[in-house]
Protein backbone atom coordinates (compact mmCIF):
# COMPACT_ATOMS: atom_id res chain seq x y z
CA UNK A 1 0.81 -82.39 78.67
CA UNK A 2 -2.78 -83.55 79.08
CA UNK A 3 -3.40 -86.83 77.23
CA UNK A 4 -6.75 -85.55 75.85
CA UNK A 5 -5.08 -82.78 73.83
CA UNK A 6 -3.54 -82.70 70.38
CA UNK A 7 0.29 -82.96 70.41
CA UNK A 8 0.85 -79.32 69.34
CA UNK A 9 -1.76 -77.94 71.72
CA UNK A 10 -0.61 -75.99 74.79
CA UNK A 11 -2.66 -74.56 77.63
CA UNK A 12 -0.93 -71.68 79.40
CA UNK A 13 -2.15 -70.28 82.70
CA UNK A 14 -1.41 -66.60 83.15
CA UNK A 15 -1.46 -65.00 86.61
CA UNK A 16 -1.43 -61.32 87.48
CA UNK A 17 -0.63 -61.59 91.20
CA UNK A 18 -2.09 -59.25 93.74
CA UNK A 19 -3.16 -59.02 97.36
CA UNK A 20 -6.35 -57.09 96.62
CA UNK A 21 -7.25 -58.56 93.22
CA UNK A 22 -5.52 -61.42 91.42
CA UNK A 23 -6.24 -62.00 87.74
CA UNK A 24 -5.96 -65.44 86.16
CA UNK A 25 -6.52 -66.87 82.70
CA UNK A 26 -5.86 -69.93 80.60
CA UNK A 27 -5.06 -69.58 76.90
CA UNK A 28 -5.22 -72.47 74.48
CA UNK A 29 -2.77 -72.52 71.60
CA UNK A 30 -3.06 -75.06 68.80
CA UNK A 31 0.28 -74.07 67.26
CA UNK A 32 2.28 -71.04 66.19
CA UNK A 33 0.04 -70.18 63.25
CA UNK A 34 -3.29 -70.55 65.04
CA UNK A 35 -4.93 -67.69 66.92
CA UNK A 36 -4.97 -68.51 70.66
CA UNK A 37 -8.32 -68.81 72.37
CA UNK A 38 -9.36 -68.06 75.92
CA UNK A 39 -10.41 -71.11 77.93
CA UNK A 40 -11.20 -69.33 81.21
CA UNK A 41 -10.40 -66.08 82.96
CA UNK A 42 -11.43 -64.34 86.12
CA UNK A 43 -10.32 -62.58 89.26
CA UNK A 44 -9.97 -63.37 92.92
CA UNK A 45 -11.29 -60.27 94.68
CA UNK A 46 -9.92 -60.00 98.22
CA UNK A 47 -10.65 -56.34 98.91
CA UNK A 48 -13.19 -57.22 101.62
CA UNK A 49 -10.65 -59.27 103.57
CA UNK A 50 -8.53 -57.59 106.22
CA UNK A 51 -6.36 -60.55 107.23
CA UNK A 52 -3.33 -60.71 104.87
CA UNK A 53 -2.93 -64.45 105.47
CA UNK A 54 -6.54 -65.17 104.47
CA UNK A 55 -5.85 -63.25 101.26
CA UNK A 56 -2.89 -65.55 100.55
CA UNK A 57 -5.06 -68.56 101.29
CA UNK A 58 -7.62 -67.34 98.72
CA UNK A 59 -4.89 -66.89 96.11
CA UNK A 60 -3.53 -70.39 96.72
CA UNK A 61 -6.95 -72.10 96.75
CA UNK A 62 -8.23 -70.45 93.57
CA UNK A 63 -4.98 -71.01 91.68
CA UNK A 64 -5.05 -74.68 92.70
CA UNK A 65 -8.74 -75.00 91.73
CA UNK A 66 -8.07 -73.63 88.25
CA UNK A 67 -5.01 -75.86 87.86
CA UNK A 68 -6.90 -78.97 89.00
CA UNK A 69 -9.87 -78.26 86.74
CA UNK A 70 -8.07 -77.22 83.54
CA UNK A 71 -4.62 -78.88 83.82
CA UNK A 72 -2.51 -76.15 82.19
CA UNK A 73 0.83 -77.21 80.74
CA UNK A 74 2.71 -74.17 82.06
CA UNK A 75 2.18 -71.18 84.33
CA UNK A 76 3.29 -67.69 83.33
CA UNK A 77 3.30 -65.07 86.06
CA UNK A 78 4.21 -61.42 86.20
CA UNK A 79 7.43 -60.80 88.09
CA UNK A 80 7.56 -58.26 90.86
CA UNK A 81 7.78 -54.60 90.09
CA UNK A 82 10.03 -52.88 92.59
CA UNK A 83 8.20 -49.73 93.60
CA UNK A 84 8.80 -47.00 96.12
CA UNK A 85 6.68 -48.69 98.80
CA UNK A 86 8.70 -51.66 100.02
CA UNK A 87 5.76 -53.02 102.08
CA UNK A 88 3.59 -53.22 98.96
CA UNK A 89 6.41 -54.94 97.11
CA UNK A 90 6.79 -57.51 99.88
CA UNK A 91 3.03 -58.21 99.98
CA UNK A 92 2.94 -58.64 96.21
CA UNK A 93 5.89 -61.02 96.42
CA UNK A 94 3.99 -63.17 98.89
CA UNK A 95 0.97 -63.37 96.59
CA UNK A 96 3.23 -64.24 93.67
CA UNK A 97 4.97 -66.92 95.74
CA UNK A 98 1.69 -68.50 96.78
CA UNK A 99 0.48 -68.71 93.15
CA UNK A 100 3.83 -70.22 92.15
CA UNK A 101 3.57 -72.72 95.01
CA UNK A 102 0.16 -73.84 93.72
CA UNK A 103 1.68 -74.58 90.29
CA UNK A 104 4.67 -76.35 91.81
CA UNK A 105 2.29 -78.42 93.96
CA UNK A 106 1.04 -79.92 90.67
CA UNK A 107 4.48 -80.08 88.96
CA UNK A 108 3.66 -77.33 86.48
CA UNK A 109 6.67 -75.39 85.10
CA UNK A 110 6.67 -71.70 86.01
CA UNK A 111 7.89 -68.80 83.88
CA UNK A 112 8.17 -65.17 85.01
CA UNK A 113 7.86 -62.06 82.86
CA UNK A 114 8.53 -58.44 83.74
CA UNK A 115 5.58 -56.06 83.26
CA UNK A 116 7.46 -54.19 80.49
CA UNK A 117 8.13 -57.49 78.66
CA UNK A 118 4.41 -58.38 78.77
CA UNK A 119 3.40 -54.95 77.46
CA UNK A 120 6.05 -55.12 74.73
CA UNK A 121 4.87 -58.57 73.63
CA UNK A 122 1.25 -57.49 73.29
CA UNK A 123 1.47 -53.87 72.10
CA UNK A 124 5.00 -53.41 70.79
CA UNK A 125 5.90 -50.90 73.51
CA UNK A 126 6.90 -51.52 77.11
CA UNK A 127 5.23 -48.31 78.27
CA UNK A 128 1.69 -49.14 77.10
CA UNK A 129 -1.19 -48.51 79.48
CA UNK A 130 -3.35 -51.34 80.84
CA UNK A 131 -6.16 -50.10 78.59
CA UNK A 132 -3.92 -50.24 75.51
CA UNK A 133 -2.91 -53.81 76.42
CA UNK A 134 -6.58 -54.80 76.82
CA UNK A 135 -7.53 -53.23 73.48
CA UNK A 136 -4.70 -54.94 71.61
CA UNK A 137 -5.47 -58.31 73.22
CA UNK A 138 -8.95 -58.13 71.73
CA UNK A 139 -7.33 -58.16 68.28
CA UNK A 140 -4.93 -61.01 69.07
CA UNK A 141 -7.01 -63.42 71.11
CA UNK A 142 -10.64 -64.49 70.88
CA UNK A 143 -12.09 -62.74 73.95
CA UNK A 144 -15.64 -62.48 75.29
CA UNK A 145 -17.22 -59.10 76.00
CA UNK A 146 -17.64 -60.06 79.66
CA UNK A 147 -14.12 -59.47 80.99
CA UNK A 148 -14.52 -57.85 84.39
CA UNK A 149 -11.29 -55.99 85.16
CA UNK A 150 -7.91 -54.98 83.84
CA UNK A 151 -6.41 -57.53 86.26
CA UNK A 152 -8.15 -60.21 84.20
CA UNK A 153 -6.85 -58.85 80.89
CA UNK A 154 -3.37 -58.53 82.42
CA UNK A 155 -3.46 -62.27 83.22
CA UNK A 156 -4.44 -63.00 79.61
CA UNK A 157 -1.59 -60.75 78.41
CA UNK A 158 0.91 -62.63 80.59
CA UNK A 159 -0.20 -65.97 79.12
CA UNK A 160 -0.06 -64.48 75.61
CA UNK A 161 3.44 -63.13 76.24
CA UNK A 162 4.55 -66.63 77.20
CA UNK A 163 3.05 -68.12 74.03
CA UNK A 164 5.03 -65.66 71.92
CA UNK A 165 8.42 -66.40 73.42
CA UNK A 166 10.62 -68.03 70.80
CA UNK A 167 12.54 -71.01 72.02
CA UNK A 168 10.23 -71.75 74.93
CA UNK A 169 9.50 -75.45 74.53
CA UNK A 170 6.35 -77.25 75.50
CA UNK A 171 6.44 -78.45 79.10
CA UNK A 172 9.19 -80.95 79.76
CA UNK A 173 10.78 -80.70 76.32
CA UNK A 174 14.20 -79.31 75.50
CA UNK A 175 15.47 -78.74 79.01
CA UNK A 176 19.25 -78.70 79.18
CA UNK A 177 21.02 -80.30 82.11
CA UNK A 178 24.17 -78.18 81.85
CA UNK A 179 25.68 -75.13 80.16
CA UNK A 180 27.72 -77.46 77.94
CA UNK A 181 24.54 -79.12 76.71
CA UNK A 182 22.92 -75.72 76.10
CA UNK A 183 25.91 -74.52 74.05
CA UNK A 184 25.94 -77.77 72.07
CA UNK A 185 22.20 -77.45 71.25
CA UNK A 186 22.47 -73.76 70.40
CA UNK A 187 25.57 -73.22 68.27
CA UNK A 188 26.25 -69.57 67.57
CA UNK A 189 23.65 -68.35 70.05
CA UNK A 190 24.90 -65.75 72.52
CA UNK A 191 23.49 -65.30 75.97
């Protein structure tokens, strides 16, 4: 946790990975009862690049820049969606891995969420459209009118999903070293 922040304050970086456009955002939460606020959001637009490795370099550099400037406590990223086109899935996995590597480079814990889980957390249904997610986010988080793309709002939704997860401790707190320790700390909880 950043020393300049209040003890209950958490900054969560959300990443919507992509090889054409990557969305990123940082949400600030001052506690469970406070409405989260947007610190920064944007996109890395790589559609003009042909070289797939330069695209990955852009993802890594921008993720690291945001991390170094804002010092998020945790990174939440959308997990891969297994589609019909295996090549697209592999490319997306590379972009996801590069963003994760940027967080790990700075010792930031990483959490993954399935697209349906993110949609469910924001809208109440796992089959919501990107537009429905964006509309609902506007009611849940203080957002500017200048958001550029749905990739940007997806990144905000991923960070918001992470904030909502019950039992997710602040960075570094509550980690169990074994199953026995987990069971001892969580009596009656089933996995």
